[in-house]
Amino acid sequence: MSEPRKHWAGVGEAGTLLGMKSLLLAYRLFGRTGFRIILLPVMAYFYLTRTESRRASKAYLRRMLGQLPSERHTGLTPFRHFWCFGEILLDKLLVWMGHIRHEDVVFATPDAFAEVDRSRSGGIIIVSHLGNTEVCSALAHQLPDIAVTMLVYTRHAEKFNRLMKQANATAAINLMQVTDMSPATAMLLSERVAAGEYIVIAGDRTPVHGGGRTSKVNFLGDEAEFPQGAFILASLLRCPVYLMFCLKESGRYHLYLEWFSDQLSWPRKKRNEGLQQAAQDYADRLAEYCRRTPLQWFNFFPFWLADQDENPSPESECSRSNKHS
């Protein structure tokens, strides 16, 4: 009998701290060109040995091909997907090292950022695993009077996160480790939002412990499970909700901030229906940004329900060093 498929958070972290340090050293000595030379055999190894990750990439890109005009199909291959993930790893480290300059970041929706700066009302910002979520910390630098806390699940990526802290031990990014949303955690976050702080949480990862609240929604033309956690938290805190995406376009990081809701609140009898609609609305917006940069959504595990049925057995995946909850 085949072993039940593990939840993404339980999959082992691929690679070693030494390997990551070698890639970082190559960048420091030889720049991005040297980094890419070292990266090529590394990503080739992961591509050849991580069968489930490769299969998941193919499943995602197959759906993307159905979403894009034929002239954009060129280059949408699993290996290029892996390669883009490797390049983003370097970008993540550069953020923590303070090497991302102001001119490297484009605030693509200036009116939305200006509104957040004016209102100072606090709220929730829902991000995703599309692009480089670390660059979203640029919000705190662009708006220095705005306090931001990012909820993360990093135990599965201890090596990578340890390397980031070694790269810049003084990084002023407020991270909060969360495995479940206890009443004490909700109360703490409520106090922070009331003080005008913004809570950043990813909206495209199912609950860490499995069996949590999810909604089955249409994502890129097929049924997938999205977590309700961010929307439940927003309904508890009764605060504004925004979506933020960071895409690397033309060599620069483009930050997009969108209003999602002034307040998520539903009558008790319509709560499930409201959560379902919120999850679908979020999935629709994520799909739209995936269509802009299809190789930058990094979910290298069976994501759609149909794919999970076809892939019951787990294996370690290289993508686990890039997963925030």
C-alpha atoms as a PDB file:
ATOM      1  CA  MET A   1       0.000   0.000   0.000  1.00  0.00           C
ATOM      2  CA  SER A   2       1.380   3.431  -0.905  1.00  0.00           C
ATOM      3  CA  GLU A   3       2.245   5.847   1.863  1.00  0.00           C
ATOM      4  CA  PRO A   4      -0.207   8.744   2.348  1.00  0.00           C
ATOM      5  CA  ARG A   5       0.935  11.996   0.785  1.00  0.00           C
ATOM      6  CA  LYS A   6       2.547  14.319   3.317  1.00  0.00           C
ATOM      7  CA  HIS A   7       1.413  17.850   3.917  1.00  0.00           C
ATOM      8  CA  TRP A   8       3.755  20.430   2.346  1.00  0.00           C
ATOM      9  CA  ALA A   9       5.054  21.572   5.747  1.00  0.00           C
ATOM     10  CA  GLY A  10       6.193  18.063   6.624  1.00  0.00           C
ATOM     11  CA  VAL A  11       8.337  17.605   3.536  1.00  0.00           C
ATOM     12  CA  GLY A  12      12.049  17.687   4.243  1.00  0.00           C
ATOM     13  CA  GLU A  13      14.176  20.635   3.267  1.00  0.00           C
ATOM     14  CA  ALA A  14      16.288  19.885   0.233  1.00  0.00           C
ATOM     15  CA  GLY A  15      19.913  20.890  -0.148  1.00  0.00           C
ATOM     16  CA  THR A  16      22.439  21.769   2.522  1.00  0.00           C
ATOM     17  CA  LEU A  17      23.567  24.929   4.221  1.00  0.00           C
ATOM     18  CA  LEU A  18      27.010  24.387   2.683  1.00  0.00           C
ATOM     19  CA  GLY A  19      25.518  24.263  -0.797  1.00  0.00           C
ATOM     20  CA  MET A  20      23.574  27.472  -0.205  1.00  0.00           C
ATOM     21  CA  LYS A  21      26.679  29.165   1.158  1.00  0.00           C
ATOM     22  CA  SER A  22      28.614  28.080  -1.929  1.00  0.00           C
ATOM     23  CA  LEU A  23      26.048  29.723  -4.184  1.00  0.00           C
ATOM     24  CA  LEU A  24      26.157  32.895  -2.105  1.00  0.00           C
ATOM     25  CA  LEU A  25      29.976  32.886  -2.190  1.00  0.00           C
ATOM     26  CA  ALA A  26      29.914  32.504  -5.980  1.00  0.00           C
ATOM     27  CA  TYR A  27      27.729  35.606  -6.172  1.00  0.00           C
ATOM     28  CA  ARG A  28      29.975  37.600  -3.837  1.00  0.00           C
ATOM     29  CA  LEU A  29      33.111  36.679  -5.800  1.00  0.00           C
ATOM     30  CA  PHE A  30      31.858  36.661  -9.375  1.00  0.00           C
ATOM     31  CA  GLY A  31      28.504  38.411  -9.372  1.00  0.00           C
ATOM     32  CA  ARG A  32      25.304  37.032 -10.826  1.00  0.00           C
ATOM     33  CA  THR A  33      27.150  35.437 -13.762  1.00  0.00           C
ATOM     34  CA  GLY A  34      29.267  33.341 -11.411  1.00  0.00           C
ATOM     35  CA  PHE A  35      26.191  32.473  -9.393  1.00  0.00           C
ATOM     36  CA  ARG A  36      24.415  31.214 -12.517  1.00  0.00           C
ATOM     37  CA  ILE A  37      27.387  29.029 -13.500  1.00  0.00           C
ATOM     38  CA  ILE A  38      27.255  27.286 -10.116  1.00  0.00           C
ATOM     39  CA  LEU A  39      23.460  27.245 -10.125  1.00  0.00           C
ATOM     40  CA  LEU A  40      23.210  25.302 -13.400  1.00  0.00           C
ATOM     41  CA  PRO A  41      24.443  21.897 -12.118  1.00  0.00           C
ATOM     42  CA  VAL A  42      22.599  22.414  -8.825  1.00  0.00           C
ATOM     43  CA  MET A  43      19.238  22.969 -10.471  1.00  0.00           C
ATOM     44  CA  ALA A  44      19.937  20.221 -13.016  1.00  0.00           C
ATOM     45  CA  TYR A  45      20.477  17.821 -10.106  1.00  0.00           C
ATOM     46  CA  PHE A  46      17.232  18.815  -8.400  1.00  0.00           C
ATOM     47  CA  TYR A  47      15.348  18.700 -11.668  1.00  0.00           C
ATOM     48  CA  LEU A  48      16.509  15.154 -12.379  1.00  0.00           C
ATOM     49  CA  THR A  49      16.094  13.759  -8.859  1.00  0.00           C
ATOM     50  CA  ARG A  50      12.904  15.451  -7.582  1.00  0.00           C
ATOM     51  CA  THR A  51      10.312  13.512  -9.521  1.00  0.00           C
ATOM     52  CA  GLU A  52       7.262  14.817  -7.684  1.00  0.00           C
ATOM     53  CA  SER A  53       8.440  18.420  -7.911  1.00  0.00           C
ATOM     54  CA  ARG A  54       9.035  18.021 -11.634  1.00  0.00           C
ATOM     55  CA  ARG A  55       5.609  16.428 -12.075  1.00  0.00           C
ATOM     56  CA  ALA A  56       3.962  19.251 -10.105  1.00  0.00           C
ATOM     57  CA  SER A  57       5.697  21.864 -12.238  1.00  0.00           C
ATOM     58  CA  LYS A  58       4.458  20.148 -15.394  1.00  0.00           C
ATOM     59  CA  ALA A  59       0.909  20.073 -14.002  1.00  0.00           C
ATOM     60  CA  TYR A  60       1.017  23.791 -13.206  1.00  0.00           C
ATOM     61  CA  LEU A  61       2.511  24.799 -16.549  1.00  0.00           C
ATOM     62  CA  ARG A  62       0.017  22.604 -18.410  1.00  0.00           C
ATOM     63  CA  ARG A  63      -2.762  24.663 -16.865  1.00  0.00           C
ATOM     64  CA  MET A  64      -0.936  27.900 -17.588  1.00  0.00           C
ATOM     65  CA  LEU A  65      -0.681  27.002 -21.282  1.00  0.00           C
ATOM     66  CA  GLY A  66      -4.457  26.869 -21.358  1.00  0.00           C
ATOM     67  CA  GLN A  67      -4.599  30.373 -19.891  1.00  0.00           C
ATOM     68  CA  LEU A  68      -2.189  32.104 -22.263  1.00  0.00           C
ATOM     69  CA  PRO A  69      -2.171  32.896 -25.991  1.00  0.00           C
ATOM     70  CA  SER A  70      -0.010  30.581 -28.089  1.00  0.00           C
ATOM     71  CA  GLU A  71       2.663  33.229 -28.668  1.00  0.00           C
ATOM     72  CA  ARG A  72       3.449  33.175 -24.939  1.00  0.00           C
ATOM     73  CA  HIS A  73       3.913  29.389 -24.721  1.00  0.00           C
ATOM     74  CA  THR A  74       7.590  29.491 -25.695  1.00  0.00           C
ATOM     75  CA  GLY A  75       9.929  28.790 -22.794  1.00  0.00           C
ATOM     76  CA  LEU A  76       7.270  27.592 -20.351  1.00  0.00           C
ATOM     77  CA  THR A  77       9.135  24.421 -19.392  1.00  0.00           C
ATOM     78  CA  PRO A  78       9.635  22.735 -16.002  1.00  0.00           C
ATOM     79  CA  PHE A  79      13.413  23.246 -16.116  1.00  0.00           C
ATOM     80  CA  ARG A  80      13.018  26.982 -16.678  1.00  0.00           C
ATOM     81  CA  HIS A  81      10.533  26.955 -13.790  1.00  0.00           C
ATOM     82  CA  PHE A  82      13.189  25.325 -11.568  1.00  0.00           C
ATOM     83  CA  TRP A  83      15.802  27.770 -12.849  1.00  0.00           C
ATOM     84  CA  CYS A  84      13.627  30.785 -12.055  1.00  0.00           C
ATOM     85  CA  PHE A  85      13.166  29.409  -8.530  1.00  0.00           C
ATOM     86  CA  GLY A  86      16.950  29.177  -8.093  1.00  0.00           C
ATOM     87  CA  GLU A  87      17.405  32.788  -9.196  1.00  0.00           C
ATOM     88  CA  ILE A  88      14.734  33.923  -6.741  1.00  0.00           C
ATOM     89  CA  LEU A  89      16.694  32.247  -3.919  1.00  0.00           C
ATOM     90  CA  LEU A  90      19.545  34.652  -4.632  1.00  0.00           C
ATOM     91  CA  ASP A  91      17.139  37.582  -4.741  1.00  0.00           C
ATOM     92  CA  LYS A  92      15.816  36.590  -1.320  1.00  0.00           C
ATOM     93  CA  LEU A  93      19.326  36.626   0.117  1.00  0.00           C
ATOM     94  CA  LEU A  94      20.053  39.990  -1.504  1.00  0.00           C
ATOM     95  CA  VAL A  95      17.013  41.465   0.236  1.00  0.00           C
ATOM     96  CA  TRP A  96      18.286  40.314   3.631  1.00  0.00           C
ATOM     97  CA  MET A  97      21.816  41.514   2.838  1.00  0.00           C
ATOM     98  CA  GLY A  98      20.473  44.984   2.082  1.00  0.00           C
ATOM     99  CA  HIS A  99      21.630  44.801  -1.555  1.00  0.00           C
ATOM    100  CA  ILE A 100      18.262  45.676  -3.048  1.00  0.00           C
ATOM    101  CA  ARG A 101      18.427  49.369  -3.872  1.00  0.00           C
ATOM    102  CA  HIS A 102      15.524  51.795  -3.972  1.00  0.00           C
ATOM    103  CA  GLU A 103      15.785  51.972  -7.760  1.00  0.00           C
ATOM    104  CA  ASP A 104      15.430  48.175  -7.972  1.00  0.00           C
ATOM    105  CA  VAL A 105      11.850  48.365  -6.657  1.00  0.00           C
ATOM    106  CA  VAL A 106       8.916  49.795  -8.602  1.00  0.00           C
ATOM    107  CA  PHE A 107       5.768  50.645  -6.644  1.00  0.00           C
ATOM    108  CA  ALA A 108       3.448  49.823  -9.512  1.00  0.00           C
ATOM    109  CA  THR A 109       0.269  50.994  -7.758  1.00  0.00           C
ATOM    110  CA  PRO A 110       1.374  54.287  -6.148  1.00  0.00           C
ATOM    111  CA  ASP A 111      -2.152  55.436  -5.277  1.00  0.00           C
ATOM    112  CA  ALA A 112      -2.793  52.298  -3.203  1.00  0.00           C
ATOM    113  CA  PHE A 113       0.469  52.690  -1.301  1.00  0.00           C
ATOM    114  CA  ALA A 114      -0.269  56.373  -0.712  1.00  0.00           C
ATOM    115  CA  GLU A 115      -3.717  55.491   0.677  1.00  0.00           C
ATOM    116  CA  VAL A 116      -2.199  53.030   3.147  1.00  0.00           C
ATOM    117  CA  ASP A 117       0.298  55.685   4.189  1.00  0.00           C
ATOM    118  CA  ARG A 118      -2.489  58.231   4.733  1.00  0.00           C
ATOM    119  CA  SER A 119      -4.978  56.009   6.526  1.00  0.00           C
ATOM    120  CA  ARG A 120      -2.649  54.403   9.108  1.00  0.00           C
ATOM    121  CA  SER A 121      -5.643  52.257  10.033  1.00  0.00           C
ATOM    122  CA  GLY A 122      -3.822  48.948  10.244  1.00  0.00           C
ATOM    123  CA  GLY A 123      -4.999  45.837   8.466  1.00  0.00           C
ATOM    124  CA  ILE A 124      -4.097  42.565   6.806  1.00  0.00           C
ATOM    125  CA  ILE A 125      -2.005  42.243   3.661  1.00  0.00           C
ATOM    126  CA  ILE A 126      -2.369  38.885   1.912  1.00  0.00           C
ATOM    127  CA  VAL A 127       0.631  37.807  -0.164  1.00  0.00           C
ATOM    128  CA  SER A 128       1.426  34.602  -2.047  1.00  0.00           C
ATOM    129  CA  HIS A 129       4.272  32.411  -3.242  1.00  0.00           C
ATOM    130  CA  LEU A 130       4.306  34.245  -6.532  1.00  0.00           C
ATOM    131  CA  GLY A 131       7.586  36.072  -7.032  1.00  0.00           C
ATOM    132  CA  ASN A 132       9.715  37.191  -4.104  1.00  0.00           C
ATOM    133  CA  THR A 133       7.730  37.750  -0.915  1.00  0.00           C
ATOM    134  CA  GLU A 134      10.826  39.068   0.887  1.00  0.00           C
ATOM    135  CA  VAL A 135      10.817  42.144  -1.345  1.00  0.00           C
ATOM    136  CA  CYS A 136       7.398  42.919   0.092  1.00  0.00           C
ATOM    137  CA  SER A 137       9.341  44.117   3.118  1.00  0.00           C
ATOM    138  CA  ALA A 138      10.135  47.114   0.922  1.00  0.00           C
ATOM    139  CA  LEU A 139       6.744  48.391   2.047  1.00  0.00           C
ATOM    140  CA  ALA A 140       8.216  49.056   5.469  1.00  0.00           C
ATOM    141  CA  HIS A 141      11.123  50.961   3.918  1.00  0.00           C
ATOM    142  CA  GLN A 142       8.955  52.967   1.515  1.00  0.00           C
ATOM    143  CA  LEU A 143       6.579  53.861   4.356  1.00  0.00           C
ATOM    144  CA  PRO A 144       8.948  54.088   7.346  1.00  0.00           C
ATOM    145  CA  ASP A 145       6.189  55.045   9.789  1.00  0.00           C
ATOM    146  CA  ILE A 146       4.192  51.894   8.985  1.00  0.00           C
ATOM    147  CA  ALA A 147       4.784  48.852  11.184  1.00  0.00           C
ATOM    148  CA  VAL A 148       4.644  45.474   9.427  1.00  0.00           C
ATOM    149  CA  THR A 149       4.646  41.949  10.871  1.00  0.00           C
ATOM    150  CA  MET A 150       4.956  38.951   8.548  1.00  0.00           C
ATOM    151  CA  LEU A 151       3.447  35.659   9.725  1.00  0.00           C
ATOM    152  CA  VAL A 152       5.700  32.814   8.602  1.00  0.00           C
ATOM    153  CA  TYR A 153       6.170  29.084   8.870  1.00  0.00           C
ATOM    154  CA  THR A 154       9.911  28.504   8.518  1.00  0.00           C
ATOM    155  CA  ARG A 155      10.725  25.319  10.452  1.00  0.00           C
ATOM    156  CA  HIS A 156      10.776  23.362   7.196  1.00  0.00           C
ATOM    157  CA  ALA A 157      13.392  25.774   5.815  1.00  0.00           C
ATOM    158  CA  GLU A 158      15.678  26.237   8.794  1.00  0.00           C
ATOM    159  CA  LYS A 159      18.887  26.063   6.770  1.00  0.00           C
ATOM    160  CA  PHE A 160      17.822  28.716   4.305  1.00  0.00           C
ATOM    161  CA  ASN A 161      16.479  31.031   6.984  1.00  0.00           C
ATOM    162  CA  ARG A 162      19.619  30.576   9.082  1.00  0.00           C
ATOM    163  CA  LEU A 163      21.689  31.594   6.089  1.00  0.00           C
ATOM    164  CA  MET A 164      19.538  34.691   5.574  1.00  0.00           C
ATOM    165  CA  LYS A 165      20.034  35.708   9.204  1.00  0.00           C
ATOM    166  CA  GLN A 166      23.801  35.179   8.882  1.00  0.00           C
ATOM    167  CA  ALA A 167      23.761  37.346   5.764  1.00  0.00           C
ATOM    168  CA  ASN A 168      22.260  40.215   7.750  1.00  0.00           C
ATOM    169  CA  ALA A 169      21.853  39.678  11.474  1.00  0.00           C
ATOM    170  CA  THR A 170      20.508  43.220  11.905  1.00  0.00           C
ATOM    171  CA  ALA A 171      17.675  42.925   9.388  1.00  0.00           C
ATOM    172  CA  ALA A 172      14.718  44.858  10.777  1.00  0.00           C
ATOM    173  CA  ILE A 173      12.030  42.578   9.348  1.00  0.00           C
ATOM    174  CA  ASN A 174       9.457  41.658  11.966  1.00  0.00           C
ATOM    175  CA  LEU A 175       8.739  37.943  11.504  1.00  0.00           C
ATOM    176  CA  MET A 176       6.308  35.998  13.683  1.00  0.00           C
ATOM    177  CA  GLN A 177       6.477  32.191  13.674  1.00  0.00           C
ATOM    178  CA  VAL A 178       2.950  30.782  13.523  1.00  0.00           C
ATOM    179  CA  THR A 179       1.844  27.154  13.192  1.00  0.00           C
ATOM    180  CA  ASP A 180      -1.771  27.687  14.175  1.00  0.00           C
ATOM    181  CA  MET A 181      -4.019  30.625  15.019  1.00  0.00           C
ATOM    182  CA  SER A 182      -4.591  30.296  18.754  1.00  0.00           C
ATOM    183  CA  PRO A 183      -6.796  32.756  20.678  1.00  0.00           C
ATOM    184  CA  ALA A 184      -3.656  34.247  22.238  1.00  0.00           C
ATOM    185  CA  THR A 185      -2.118  34.837  18.804  1.00  0.00           C
ATOM    186  CA  ALA A 186      -5.334  36.378  17.487  1.00  0.00           C
ATOM    187  CA  MET A 187      -5.492  38.707  20.493  1.00  0.00           C
ATOM    188  CA  LEU A 188      -1.879  39.802  19.975  1.00  0.00           C
ATOM    189  CA  LEU A 189      -2.502  40.494  16.301  1.00  0.00           C
ATOM    190  CA  SER A 190      -5.684  42.385  17.137  1.00  0.00           C
ATOM    191  CA  GLU A 191      -3.694  44.682  19.416  1.00  0.00           C
ATOM    192  CA  ARG A 192      -1.124  45.298  16.698  1.00  0.00           C
ATOM    193  CA  VAL A 193      -3.734  46.120  14.058  1.00  0.00           C
ATOM    194  CA  ALA A 194      -5.521  48.442  16.520  1.00  0.00           C
ATOM    195  CA  ALA A 195      -2.204  50.275  16.881  1.00  0.00           C
ATOM    196  CA  GLY A 196      -2.059  50.774  13.099  1.00  0.00           C
ATOM    197  CA  GLU A 197       0.154  47.810  12.223  1.00  0.00           C
ATOM    198  CA  TYR A 198      -0.188  45.673   9.095  1.00  0.00           C
ATOM    199  CA  ILE A 199      -0.129  41.871   9.295  1.00  0.00           C
ATOM    200  CA  VAL A 200       1.273  40.075   6.249  1.00  0.00           C
ATOM    201  CA  ILE A 201       0.111  36.498   5.656  1.00  0.00           C
ATOM    202  CA  ALA A 202       0.296  34.166   2.649  1.00  0.00           C
ATOM    203  CA  GLY A 203      -3.000  33.038   1.183  1.00  0.00           C
ATOM    204  CA  ASP A 204      -1.939  30.090  -0.984  1.00  0.00           C
ATOM    205  CA  ARG A 205      -0.813  27.486   1.563  1.00  0.00           C
ATOM    206  CA  THR A 206      -3.129  24.998   3.226  1.00  0.00           C
ATOM    207  CA  PRO A 207      -2.967  24.912   7.072  1.00  0.00           C
ATOM    208  CA  VAL A 208       0.324  23.683   8.519  1.00  0.00           C
ATOM    209  CA  HIS A 209      -1.192  20.880  10.591  1.00  0.00           C
ATOM    210  CA  GLY A 210      -3.509  19.700   7.806  1.00  0.00           C
ATOM    211  CA  GLY A 211      -7.221  19.223   8.236  1.00  0.00           C
ATOM    212  CA  GLY A 212      -7.747  22.956   8.764  1.00  0.00           C
ATOM    213  CA  ARG A 213     -10.310  25.232   7.181  1.00  0.00           C
ATOM    214  CA  THR A 214     -10.030  25.326   3.405  1.00  0.00           C
ATOM    215  CA  SER A 215     -12.223  26.200   0.448  1.00  0.00           C
ATOM    216  CA  LYS A 216     -12.358  24.322  -2.841  1.00  0.00           C
ATOM    217  CA  VAL A 217     -12.127  26.956  -5.545  1.00  0.00           C
ATOM    218  CA  ASN A 218     -11.446  27.207  -9.253  1.00  0.00           C
ATOM    219  CA  PHE A 219      -7.825  28.165  -9.826  1.00  0.00           C
ATOM    220  CA  LEU A 220      -6.451  28.370 -13.362  1.00  0.00           C
ATOM    221  CA  GLY A 221      -9.338  26.291 -14.644  1.00  0.00           C
ATOM    222  CA  ASP A 222      -9.295  23.432 -12.151  1.00  0.00           C
ATOM    223  CA  GLU A 223     -10.319  22.745  -8.548  1.00  0.00           C
ATOM    224  CA  ALA A 224      -7.804  23.407  -5.771  1.00  0.00           C
ATOM    225  CA  GLU A 225      -7.900  23.945  -2.014  1.00  0.00           C
ATOM    226  CA  PHE A 226      -7.098  27.404  -0.671  1.00  0.00           C
ATOM    227  CA  PRO A 227      -6.812  28.158   3.053  1.00  0.00           C
ATOM    228  CA  GLN A 228      -9.448  30.234   4.791  1.00  0.00           C
ATOM    229  CA  GLY A 229      -7.039  31.335   7.520  1.00  0.00           C
ATOM    230  CA  ALA A 230      -6.303  34.843   6.237  1.00  0.00           C
ATOM    231  CA  PHE A 231      -9.988  35.575   5.716  1.00  0.00           C
ATOM    232  CA  ILE A 232     -11.029  34.133   9.080  1.00  0.00           C
ATOM    233  CA  LEU A 233      -8.358  36.281  10.741  1.00  0.00           C
ATOM    234  CA  ALA A 234      -9.590  39.350   8.856  1.00  0.00           C
ATOM    235  CA  SER A 235     -13.176  38.689   9.980  1.00  0.00           C
ATOM    236  CA  LEU A 236     -12.031  38.365  13.586  1.00  0.00           C
ATOM    237  CA  LEU A 237      -9.981  41.561  13.476  1.00  0.00           C
ATOM    238  CA  ARG A 238     -12.611  43.479  11.461  1.00  0.00           C
ATOM    239  CA  CYS A 239      -9.955  45.427   9.608  1.00  0.00           C
ATOM    240  CA  PRO A 240      -9.169  46.420   6.010  1.00  0.00           C
ATOM    241  CA  VAL A 241      -7.709  43.715   3.774  1.00  0.00           C
ATOM    242  CA  TYR A 242      -5.253  44.232   0.914  1.00  0.00           C
ATOM    243  CA  LEU A 243      -3.525  41.962  -1.585  1.00  0.00           C
ATOM    244  CA  MET A 244       0.138  42.433  -2.457  1.00  0.00           C
ATOM    245  CA  PHE A 245       2.180  40.777  -5.199  1.00  0.00           C
ATOM    246  CA  CYS A 246       5.851  41.177  -6.084  1.00  0.00           C
ATOM    247  CA  LEU A 247       6.868  40.251  -9.629  1.00  0.00           C
ATOM    248  CA  LYS A 248      10.285  40.505 -11.199  1.00  0.00           C
ATOM    249  CA  GLU A 249       9.771  42.234 -14.530  1.00  0.00           C
ATOM    250  CA  SER A 250      12.521  43.620 -16.789  1.00  0.00           C
ATOM    251  CA  GLY A 251      15.096  43.057 -14.058  1.00  0.00           C
ATOM    252  CA  ARG A 252      13.238  45.099 -11.423  1.00  0.00           C
ATOM    253  CA  TYR A 253      10.835  44.160  -8.627  1.00  0.00           C
ATOM    254  CA  HIS A 254       7.320  45.456  -9.221  1.00  0.00           C
ATOM    255  CA  LEU A 255       5.136  45.705  -6.108  1.00  0.00           C
ATOM    256  CA  TYR A 256       1.383  45.674  -6.638  1.00  0.00           C
ATOM    257  CA  LEU A 257      -0.949  46.563  -3.776  1.00  0.00           C
ATOM    258  CA  GLU A 258      -4.714  46.114  -4.180  1.00  0.00           C
ATOM    259  CA  TRP A 259      -7.665  46.865  -1.940  1.00  0.00           C
ATOM    260  CA  PHE A 260      -9.609  43.659  -1.211  1.00  0.00           C
ATOM    261  CA  SER A 261     -12.198  44.583   1.430  1.00  0.00           C
ATOM    262  CA  ASP A 262     -12.874  47.284   4.002  1.00  0.00           C
ATOM    263  CA  GLN A 263     -14.001  44.579   6.408  1.00  0.00           C
ATOM    264  CA  LEU A 264     -14.813  40.901   6.014  1.00  0.00           C
ATOM    265  CA  SER A 265     -17.942  40.276   8.056  1.00  0.00           C
ATOM    266  CA  TRP A 266     -20.899  37.993   7.438  1.00  0.00           C
ATOM    267  CA  PRO A 267     -24.031  36.882   9.302  1.00  0.00           C
ATOM    268  CA  ARG A 268     -23.475  33.558  11.035  1.00  0.00           C
ATOM    269  CA  LYS A 269     -25.655  31.663   8.552  1.00  0.00           C
ATOM    270  CA  LYS A 270     -23.755  33.076   5.586  1.00  0.00           C
ATOM    271  CA  ARG A 271     -20.245  32.822   7.026  1.00  0.00           C
ATOM    272  CA  ASN A 272     -19.231  29.696   5.084  1.00  0.00           C
ATOM    273  CA  GLU A 273     -20.595  31.185   1.891  1.00  0.00           C
ATOM    274  CA  GLY A 274     -18.692  34.409   2.546  1.00  0.00           C
ATOM    275  CA  LEU A 275     -15.410  32.590   3.232  1.00  0.00           C
ATOM    276  CA  GLN A 276     -15.878  30.557   0.061  1.00  0.00           C
ATOM    277  CA  GLN A 277     -16.382  33.710  -2.002  1.00  0.00           C
ATOM    278  CA  ALA A 278     -13.381  35.444  -0.419  1.00  0.00           C
ATOM    279  CA  ALA A 279     -11.140  32.463  -1.207  1.00  0.00           C
ATOM    280  CA  GLN A 280     -12.423  32.380  -4.809  1.00  0.00           C
ATOM    281  CA  ASP A 281     -11.866  36.126  -5.249  1.00  0.00           C
ATOM    282  CA  TYR A 282      -8.303  35.766  -3.964  1.00  0.00           C
ATOM    283  CA  ALA A 283      -7.639  32.775  -6.240  1.00  0.00           C
ATOM    284  CA  ASP A 284      -8.896  34.795  -9.213  1.00  0.00           C
ATOM    285  CA  ARG A 285      -6.496  37.659  -8.481  1.00  0.00           C
ATOM    286  CA  LEU A 286      -3.578  35.263  -7.929  1.00  0.00           C
ATOM    287  CA  ALA A 287      -4.377  33.602 -11.254  1.00  0.00           C
ATOM    288  CA  GLU A 288      -4.331  36.981 -12.997  1.00  0.00           C
ATOM    289  CA  TYR A 289      -0.845  37.768 -11.671  1.00  0.00           C
ATOM    290  CA  CYS A 290       0.349  34.236 -12.488  1.00  0.00           C
ATOM    291  CA  ARG A 291      -0.631  34.917 -16.089  1.00  0.00           C
ATOM    292  CA  ARG A 292       1.661  37.963 -16.053  1.00  0.00           C
ATOM    293  CA  THR A 293       4.753  36.022 -14.928  1.00  0.00           C
ATOM    294  CA  PRO A 294       3.900  32.302 -15.176  1.00  0.00           C
ATOM    295  CA  LEU A 295       7.338  31.009 -14.170  1.00  0.00           C
ATOM    296  CA  GLN A 296       7.323  32.872 -10.842  1.00  0.00           C
ATOM    297  CA  TRP A 297       4.683  30.901  -8.910  1.00  0.00           C
ATOM    298  CA  PHE A 298       6.642  28.421  -6.797  1.00  0.00           C
ATOM    299  CA  ASN A 299       4.460  25.550  -5.646  1.00  0.00           C
ATOM    300  CA  PHE A 300       6.430  22.388  -6.428  1.00  0.00           C
ATOM    301  CA  PHE A 301       3.997  19.906  -4.935  1.00  0.00           C
ATOM    302  CA  PRO A 302       0.614  18.514  -6.051  1.00  0.00           C
ATOM    303  CA  PHE A 303      -1.645  21.535  -5.670  1.00  0.00           C
ATOM    304  CA  TRP A 304      -4.810  20.717  -7.587  1.00  0.00           C
ATOM    305  CA  LEU A 305      -7.124  18.063  -6.212  1.00  0.00           C
ATOM    306  CA  ALA A 306      -6.898  15.990  -9.389  1.00  0.00           C
ATOM    307  CA  ASP A 307      -3.097  15.928  -9.118  1.00  0.00           C
ATOM    308  CA  GLN A 308      -3.192  14.891  -5.467  1.00  0.00           C
ATOM    309  CA  ASP A 309      -5.267  11.861  -6.375  1.00  0.00           C
ATOM    310  CA  GLU A 310      -2.649  10.892  -8.947  1.00  0.00           C
ATOM    311  CA  ASN A 311       0.361  11.480  -6.625  1.00  0.00           C
ATOM    312  CA  PRO A 312      -0.134   9.650  -3.307  1.00  0.00           C
ATOM    313  CA  SER A 313       3.531   9.200  -2.413  1.00  0.00           C
ATOM    314  CA  PRO A 314       5.704  12.018  -1.014  1.00  0.00           C
ATOM    315  CA  GLU A 315       9.331  12.842  -1.538  1.00  0.00           C
ATOM    316  CA  SER A 316      11.638  15.662  -0.509  1.00  0.00           C
ATOM    317  CA  GLU A 317      11.207  18.733  -2.682  1.00  0.00           C
ATOM    318  CA  CYS A 318      13.613  21.535  -3.530  1.00  0.00           C
ATOM    319  CA  SER A 319      10.867  24.130  -3.179  1.00  0.00           C
ATOM    320  CA  ARG A 320      10.589  23.722   0.575  1.00  0.00           C
ATOM    321  CA  SER A 321      13.252  26.384   1.169  1.00  0.00           C
ATOM    322  CA  ASN A 322      10.830  29.005  -0.148  1.00  0.00           C
ATOM    323  CA  LYS A 323       7.640  28.397   1.817  1.00  0.00           C
ATOM    324  CA  HIS A 324       6.043  30.960   4.162  1.00  0.00           C
ATOM    325  CA  SER A 325       2.722  30.132   5.586  1.00  0.00           C
END
